Amino acid sequence: NPTSSELTRKLLGWDPAHPGLIED
């Protein structure tokens, strides 16, 4: 189930800032 957040990032200027799952 790969899921892209490209549209969300573009529309909202959003970029995840916290650790990814494996790091967490």
PDB file of all heavy atoms in Angstrom:
ATOM      1  N   ASN A   1       0.814  -1.217   0.000  1.00  0.00           N
ATOM      2  CA  ASN A   1       0.000   0.000   0.000  1.00  0.00           C
ATOM      3  C   ASN A   1       0.849   1.270   0.000  1.00  0.00           C
ATOM      4  O   ASN A   1       0.663   2.130   0.855  1.00  0.00           O
ATOM      5  CB  ASN A   1      -0.926  -0.033   1.226  1.00  0.00           C
ATOM      6  CG  ASN A   1      -1.889   1.123   1.263  1.00  0.00           C
ATOM      7  OD1 ASN A   1      -2.275   1.655   0.233  1.00  0.00           O
ATOM      8  ND2 ASN A   1      -2.271   1.526   2.461  1.00  0.00           N
ATOM      9  N   PRO A   2       1.805   1.410  -0.933  1.00  0.00           N
ATOM     10  CA  PRO A   2       2.548   2.674  -0.948  1.00  0.00           C
ATOM     11  C   PRO A   2       1.589   3.819  -1.241  1.00  0.00           C
ATOM     12  O   PRO A   2       0.675   3.666  -2.047  1.00  0.00           O
ATOM     13  CB  PRO A   2       3.568   2.483  -2.064  1.00  0.00           C
ATOM     14  CG  PRO A   2       2.950   1.474  -2.967  1.00  0.00           C
ATOM     15  CD  PRO A   2       2.135   0.566  -2.076  1.00  0.00           C
ATOM     16  N   THR A   3       1.763   4.918  -0.544  1.00  0.00           N
ATOM     17  CA  THR A   3       0.846   6.048  -0.675  1.00  0.00           C
ATOM     18  C   THR A   3       1.642   7.339  -0.784  1.00  0.00           C
ATOM     19  O   THR A   3       2.467   7.623   0.081  1.00  0.00           O
ATOM     20  CB  THR A   3      -0.092   6.108   0.548  1.00  0.00           C
ATOM     21  OG1 THR A   3      -0.757   4.840   0.666  1.00  0.00           O
ATOM     22  CG2 THR A   3      -1.115   7.205   0.396  1.00  0.00           C
ATOM     23  N   SER A   4       1.368   8.116  -1.796  1.00  0.00           N
ATOM     24  CA  SER A   4       2.091   9.361  -2.012  1.00  0.00           C
ATOM     25  C   SER A   4       1.419  10.520  -1.285  1.00  0.00           C
ATOM     26  O   SER A   4       0.196  10.641  -1.275  1.00  0.00           O
ATOM     27  CB  SER A   4       2.141   9.666  -3.507  1.00  0.00           C
ATOM     28  OG  SER A   4       2.705  10.950  -3.715  1.00  0.00           O
ATOM     29  N   SER A   5       2.242  11.371  -0.710  1.00  0.00           N
ATOM     30  CA  SER A   5       1.743  12.607  -0.107  1.00  0.00           C
ATOM     31  C   SER A   5       2.184  13.825  -0.931  1.00  0.00           C
ATOM     32  O   SER A   5       2.135  14.949  -0.445  1.00  0.00           O
ATOM     33  CB  SER A   5       2.247  12.731   1.334  1.00  0.00           C
ATOM     34  OG  SER A   5       3.666  12.773   1.353  1.00  0.00           O
ATOM     35  N   GLU A   6       2.587  13.582  -2.172  1.00  0.00           N
ATOM     36  CA  GLU A   6       3.098  14.663  -3.024  1.00  0.00           C
ATOM     37  C   GLU A   6       2.086  15.799  -3.175  1.00  0.00           C
ATOM     38  O   GLU A   6       2.433  16.976  -3.039  1.00  0.00           O
ATOM     39  CB  GLU A   6       3.486  14.112  -4.386  1.00  0.00           C
ATOM     40  CG  GLU A   6       4.079  15.152  -5.305  1.00  0.00           C
ATOM     41  CD  GLU A   6       4.486  14.589  -6.657  1.00  0.00           C
ATOM     42  OE1 GLU A   6       4.478  13.364  -6.845  1.00  0.00           O
ATOM     43  OE2 GLU A   6       4.813  15.414  -7.526  1.00  0.00           O
ATOM     44  N   LEU A   7       0.841  15.469  -3.423  1.00  0.00           N
ATOM     45  CA  LEU A   7      -0.180  16.499  -3.592  1.00  0.00           C
ATOM     46  C   LEU A   7      -0.377  17.286  -2.293  1.00  0.00           C
ATOM     47  O   LEU A   7      -0.463  18.517  -2.303  1.00  0.00           O
ATOM     48  CB  LEU A   7      -1.510  15.881  -4.025  1.00  0.00           C
ATOM     49  CG  LEU A   7      -2.667  16.866  -4.196  1.00  0.00           C
ATOM     50  CD1 LEU A   7      -2.364  17.877  -5.299  1.00  0.00           C
ATOM     51  CD2 LEU A   7      -3.959  16.121  -4.491  1.00  0.00           C
ATOM     52  N   THR A   8      -0.424  16.591  -1.167  1.00  0.00           N
ATOM     53  CA  THR A   8      -0.576  17.256   0.136  1.00  0.00           C
ATOM     54  C   THR A   8       0.589  18.210   0.384  1.00  0.00           C
ATOM     55  O   THR A   8       0.390  19.341   0.837  1.00  0.00           O
ATOM     56  CB  THR A   8      -0.644  16.210   1.265  1.00  0.00           C
ATOM     57  OG1 THR A   8      -1.741  15.328   0.999  1.00  0.00           O
ATOM     58  CG2 THR A   8      -0.812  16.853   2.628  1.00  0.00           C
ATOM     59  N   ARG A   9       1.780  17.764   0.068  1.00  0.00           N
ATOM     60  CA  ARG A   9       2.971  18.594   0.267  1.00  0.00           C
ATOM     61  C   ARG A   9       2.905  19.854  -0.596  1.00  0.00           C
ATOM     62  O   ARG A   9       3.216  20.954  -0.134  1.00  0.00           O
ATOM     63  CB  ARG A   9       4.230  17.787  -0.035  1.00  0.00           C
ATOM     64  CG  ARG A   9       4.486  16.680   0.977  1.00  0.00           C
ATOM     65  CD  ARG A   9       5.601  15.749   0.492  1.00  0.00           C
ATOM     66  NE  ARG A   9       5.698  14.563   1.296  1.00  0.00           N
ATOM     67  CZ  ARG A   9       6.738  14.256   2.062  1.00  0.00           C
ATOM     68  NH1 ARG A   9       7.784  15.056   2.119  1.00  0.00           N
ATOM     69  NH2 ARG A   9       6.742  13.145   2.759  1.00  0.00           N
ATOM     70  N   LYS A  10       2.483  19.682  -1.848  1.00  0.00           N
ATOM     71  CA  LYS A  10       2.397  20.827  -2.756  1.00  0.00           C
ATOM     72  C   LYS A  10       1.280  21.794  -2.353  1.00  0.00           C
ATOM     73  O   LYS A  10       1.483  23.004  -2.304  1.00  0.00           O
ATOM     74  CB  LYS A  10       2.173  20.349  -4.190  1.00  0.00           C
ATOM     75  CG  LYS A  10       3.398  19.778  -4.850  1.00  0.00           C
ATOM     76  CD  LYS A  10       3.086  19.339  -6.266  1.00  0.00           C
ATOM     77  CE  LYS A  10       4.299  18.704  -6.913  1.00  0.00           C
ATOM     78  NZ  LYS A  10       3.988  18.187  -8.260  1.00  0.00           N
ATOM     79  N   LEU A  11       0.101  21.249  -2.084  1.00  0.00           N
ATOM     80  CA  LEU A  11      -1.048  22.106  -1.759  1.00  0.00           C
ATOM     81  C   LEU A  11      -0.864  22.883  -0.457  1.00  0.00           C
ATOM     82  O   LEU A  11      -1.261  24.030  -0.359  1.00  0.00           O
ATOM     83  CB  LEU A  11      -2.327  21.268  -1.635  1.00  0.00           C
ATOM     84  CG  LEU A  11      -3.022  20.862  -2.903  1.00  0.00           C
ATOM     85  CD1 LEU A  11      -4.212  19.957  -2.586  1.00  0.00           C
ATOM     86  CD2 LEU A  11      -3.487  22.080  -3.688  1.00  0.00           C
ATOM     87  N   LEU A  12      -0.276  22.227   0.535  1.00  0.00           N
ATOM     88  CA  LEU A  12      -0.211  22.825   1.868  1.00  0.00           C
ATOM     89  C   LEU A  12       1.180  23.312   2.259  1.00  0.00           C
ATOM     90  O   LEU A  12       1.345  23.898   3.327  1.00  0.00           O
ATOM     91  CB  LEU A  12      -0.699  21.818   2.915  1.00  0.00           C
ATOM     92  CG  LEU A  12      -2.117  21.268   2.715  1.00  0.00           C
ATOM     93  CD1 LEU A  12      -2.450  20.263   3.809  1.00  0.00           C
ATOM     94  CD2 LEU A  12      -3.128  22.397   2.676  1.00  0.00           C
ATOM     95  N   GLY A  13       2.190  23.028   1.433  1.00  0.00           N
ATOM     96  CA  GLY A  13       3.558  23.370   1.817  1.00  0.00           C
ATOM     97  C   GLY A  13       4.008  22.564   3.023  1.00  0.00           C
ATOM     98  O   GLY A  13       4.840  23.000   3.805  1.00  0.00           O
ATOM     99  N   TRP A  14       3.464  21.370   3.159  1.00  0.00           N
ATOM    100  CA  TRP A  14       3.724  20.501   4.312  1.00  0.00           C
ATOM    101  C   TRP A  14       4.929  19.618   4.066  1.00  0.00           C
ATOM    102  O   TRP A  14       5.097  19.074   2.981  1.00  0.00           O
ATOM    103  CB  TRP A  14       2.498  19.638   4.581  1.00  0.00           C
ATOM    104  CG  TRP A  14       2.668  18.605   5.654  1.00  0.00           C
ATOM    105  CD1 TRP A  14       2.769  18.824   6.994  1.00  0.00           C
ATOM    106  CD2 TRP A  14       2.727  17.196   5.483  1.00  0.00           C
ATOM    107  NE1 TRP A  14       2.873  17.631   7.669  1.00  0.00           N
ATOM    108  CE2 TRP A  14       2.854  16.612   6.750  1.00  0.00           C
ATOM    109  CE3 TRP A  14       2.685  16.351   4.370  1.00  0.00           C
ATOM    110  CZ2 TRP A  14       2.935  15.237   6.957  1.00  0.00           C
ATOM    111  CZ3 TRP A  14       2.767  14.993   4.563  1.00  0.00           C
ATOM    112  CH2 TRP A  14       2.892  14.445   5.842  1.00  0.00           C
ATOM    113  N   ASP A  15       5.770  19.495   5.051  1.00  0.00           N
ATOM    114  CA  ASP A  15       6.902  18.579   4.985  1.00  0.00           C
ATOM    115  C   ASP A  15       7.044  17.933   6.356  1.00  0.00           C
ATOM    116  O   ASP A  15       7.193  18.652   7.357  1.00  0.00           O
ATOM    117  CB  ASP A  15       8.181  19.330   4.603  1.00  0.00           C
ATOM    118  CG  ASP A  15       9.276  18.407   4.143  1.00  0.00           C
ATOM    119  OD1 ASP A  15       8.977  17.302   3.657  1.00  0.00           O
ATOM    120  OD2 ASP A  15      10.449  18.783   4.286  1.00  0.00           O
ATOM    121  N   PRO A  16       6.959  16.609   6.434  1.00  0.00           N
ATOM    122  CA  PRO A  16       7.089  15.955   7.735  1.00  0.00           C
ATOM    123  C   PRO A  16       8.399  16.339   8.417  1.00  0.00           C
ATOM    124  O   PRO A  16       9.445  16.375   7.774  1.00  0.00           O
ATOM    125  CB  PRO A  16       7.071  14.468   7.401  1.00  0.00           C
ATOM    126  CG  PRO A  16       6.412  14.387   6.062  1.00  0.00           C
ATOM    127  CD  PRO A  16       6.784  15.659   5.359  1.00  0.00           C
ATOM    128  N   ALA A  17       8.319  16.643   9.712  1.00  0.00           N
ATOM    129  CA  ALA A  17       9.491  17.107  10.452  1.00  0.00           C
ATOM    130  C   ALA A  17       9.914  16.157  11.563  1.00  0.00           C
ATOM    131  O   ALA A  17      10.954  16.360  12.175  1.00  0.00           O
ATOM    132  CB  ALA A  17       9.193  18.484  11.053  1.00  0.00           C
ATOM    133  N   HIS A  18       9.112  15.127  11.823  1.00  0.00           N
ATOM    134  CA  HIS A  18       9.377  14.230  12.946  1.00  0.00           C
ATOM    135  C   HIS A  18       9.909  12.887  12.444  1.00  0.00           C
ATOM    136  O   HIS A  18       9.849  12.610  11.246  1.00  0.00           O
ATOM    137  CB  HIS A  18       8.106  14.075  13.779  1.00  0.00           C
ATOM    138  CG  HIS A  18       7.717  15.363  14.444  1.00  0.00           C
ATOM    139  ND1 HIS A  18       6.922  16.308  13.808  1.00  0.00           N
ATOM    140  CD2 HIS A  18       8.048  15.883  15.634  1.00  0.00           C
ATOM    141  CE1 HIS A  18       6.777  17.349  14.602  1.00  0.00           C
ATOM    142  NE2 HIS A  18       7.453  17.122  15.714  1.00  0.00           N
ATOM    143  N   PRO A  19      10.407  12.048  13.346  1.00  0.00           N
ATOM    144  CA  PRO A  19      11.016  10.782  12.912  1.00  0.00           C
ATOM    145  C   PRO A  19      10.060   9.903  12.117  1.00  0.00           C
ATOM    146  O   PRO A  19       8.852   9.880  12.376  1.00  0.00           O
ATOM    147  CB  PRO A  19      11.386  10.098  14.227  1.00  0.00           C
ATOM    148  CG  PRO A  19      11.437  11.175  15.244  1.00  0.00           C
ATOM    149  CD  PRO A  19      10.456  12.214  14.795  1.00  0.00           C
ATOM    150  N   GLY A  20      10.635   9.169  11.177  1.00  0.00           N
ATOM    151  CA  GLY A  20       9.886   8.154  10.453  1.00  0.00           C
ATOM    152  C   GLY A  20       9.633   6.956  11.356  1.00  0.00           C
ATOM    153  O   GLY A  20      10.129   6.885  12.490  1.00  0.00           O
ATOM    154  N   LEU A  21       8.877   5.995  10.857  1.00  0.00           N
ATOM    155  CA  LEU A  21       8.465   4.848  11.666  1.00  0.00           C
ATOM    156  C   LEU A  21       9.646   4.052  12.215  1.00  0.00           C
ATOM    157  O   LEU A  21       9.692   3.765  13.413  1.00  0.00           O
ATOM    158  CB  LEU A  21       7.542   3.937  10.852  1.00  0.00           C
ATOM    159  CG  LEU A  21       7.118   2.641  11.549  1.00  0.00           C
ATOM    160  CD1 LEU A  21       6.374   2.940  12.845  1.00  0.00           C
ATOM    161  CD2 LEU A  21       6.295   1.781  10.606  1.00  0.00           C
ATOM    162  N   ILE A  22      10.587   3.678  11.372  1.00  0.00           N
ATOM    163  CA  ILE A  22      11.697   2.839  11.833  1.00  0.00           C
ATOM    164  C   ILE A  22      12.530   3.589  12.878  1.00  0.00           C
ATOM    165  O   ILE A  22      12.906   3.024  13.914  1.00  0.00           O
ATOM    166  CB  ILE A  22      12.566   2.371  10.643  1.00  0.00           C
ATOM    167  CG1 ILE A  22      11.720   1.553   9.647  1.00  0.00           C
ATOM    168  CG2 ILE A  22      13.769   1.583  11.128  1.00  0.00           C
ATOM    169  CD1 ILE A  22      11.021   0.327  10.220  1.00  0.00           C
ATOM    170  N   GLU A  23      12.798   4.863  12.643  1.00  0.00           N
ATOM    171  CA  GLU A  23      13.542   5.671  13.619  1.00  0.00           C
ATOM    172  C   GLU A  23      12.759   5.797  14.928  1.00  0.00           C
ATOM    173  O   GLU A  23      13.336   5.713  16.014  1.00  0.00           O
ATOM    174  CB  GLU A  23      13.828   7.051  13.044  1.00  0.00           C
ATOM    175  CG  GLU A  23      14.675   7.923  13.959  1.00  0.00           C
ATOM    176  CD  GLU A  23      14.925   9.314  13.386  1.00  0.00           C
ATOM    177  OE1 GLU A  23      14.621   9.562  12.203  1.00  0.00           O
ATOM    178  OE2 GLU A  23      15.419  10.149  14.155  1.00  0.00           O
ATOM    179  N   ASP A  24      11.461   5.970  14.837  1.00  0.00           N
ATOM    180  CA  ASP A  24      10.629   6.090  16.034  1.00  0.00           C
ATOM    181  C   ASP A  24      10.631   4.776  16.821  1.00  0.00           C
ATOM    182  O   ASP A  24      10.743   4.779  18.051  1.00  0.00           O
ATOM    183  CB  ASP A  24       9.204   6.492  15.645  1.00  0.00           C
ATOM    184  CG  ASP A  24       8.401   7.059  16.796  1.00  0.00           C
ATOM    185  OD1 ASP A  24       8.991   7.456  17.823  1.00  0.00           O
ATOM    186  OD2 ASP A  24       7.171   7.123  16.667  1.00  0.00           O
TER     187      ASP A  24
END
